[in-house]
């Protein structure tokens, strides 16, 4: 159902900026803007060509409120598929809100979260997976997340799903035809060919579902836990990598009592750095809770940076390794010797051999003097071991899509099993339709108001 009332909202982020954009969509919105817009020539926007930009002033109480640029779009050639106007004004909060209020006073309605994108979906400008990728594109914080979101927004994922649903539709047509002639015991397709078709569909769905493991990590950030004893320099290292004072640094043991997280982009990949409470025996209840959280965060991490004070005696480090190594089994571990600026060269040589068999990856740094951090970042990228993917590769990043793909996979597996066991055509047809249903949920071919409301409510107002 197309929504025809005029909506308006500020599309740019909240706050002061050089410019801001106030967006309108809906039949008649150009004429509505003409009530408050005045061009130097006196020409009305309603008489202007589509996809053109016009200088003029927003008028309030017969006085110039702001000088603006008005971009005019005619249906269906706009983001929403509807008649639209975008007003570029000065970025004062007072001006933004003032222009928006003038538009509302003249008959526009304040848009709800994601309503512009929802209208684009409802008007066939994009499918549901593409609409969701708009939010991902806005939130992208690294080259990799940007590339994945852009590919999905341009229809890469949708094209794959359309191919799968077309194959399923052909499959279903043959089975349904057999149902129509069930009394004559006629087979319209060779069962071996159907088995091969079901297997091919299963392979493609599974490949898409399996890509979520990579896509989710790229989207949310590769989790890196920074662990070690108190005062080893974990918080200093975190601040250095983030290039800001995120964690409190102090000579007092046990300063970090809670888990601190933030993200950093390195070579186009996003890493989620997790600074943890220092590991030590303590009677302090609050600090003990922080250490307990450290162990829990270790379970979530893909990469672990074990920061060791370079002055630490080798025997003590070996003893500590008996506690740490069992907890990080299966994870990529990098041994980070910090404070190398205060130890002699001979002492450094002994650290090269320390736990060499158990932890082959190690690096020597001075977080205080910013030595070795470039090499550490390189080791993080290597440890992430993210396979290269191009602009055309389809990688699933959305949990909703993943869950629908898994359900579709289960349905096509039942079809394959049914073909093997000689299951009747009516049961096969039911499972094929179910597989199509779940793929259709991803693109919005099968949707409910509840699903749409949940998806678009996560967008910003103005998008």
Foldseek 3Di string as FASTA:
>chain_A
DADAAKAKDWQDDDDADAKTKIKIFHPCLQVLQQVFWAAPVRDGSVPDDAQDKGWTFGDDPNDGLWTWIKHWHDACPDQLRGTMIMIITGRDPCSRVVVRVSSVVSGHHYFAFLRSLVSSCVNPVFFQQLSLLVQQCVVDDFQVSNLQSVLVVVPLVVVLLVVLLVLLVVLLVQLVVCVVVVVVVDRPDDLVVSLVSLVVSLVSLVVQLVLQVLQQCQSVAAEEEEAAAWPLCLQLLVCLQVVHNQDDDDPDGFRFQAKDWDWDYDPRGIHIYIYATGDDDDPDPSSVVRVVVSLVSLVVHQEYEYRGALPDDLVVVVVVCVVVVVSNPPHQYEYEHEPPVPDDPVSVVVVCPRCCVVHVHYFYAYSVVGGGVVVVSVVVVVRVPRDDDDSSDNGDHDPLLSVLSVQLSVLSVVLSVCSVVVNRSVSNSVSSVSSSQSSCPSRVVHDDPVVVCVSSNPHGRSD
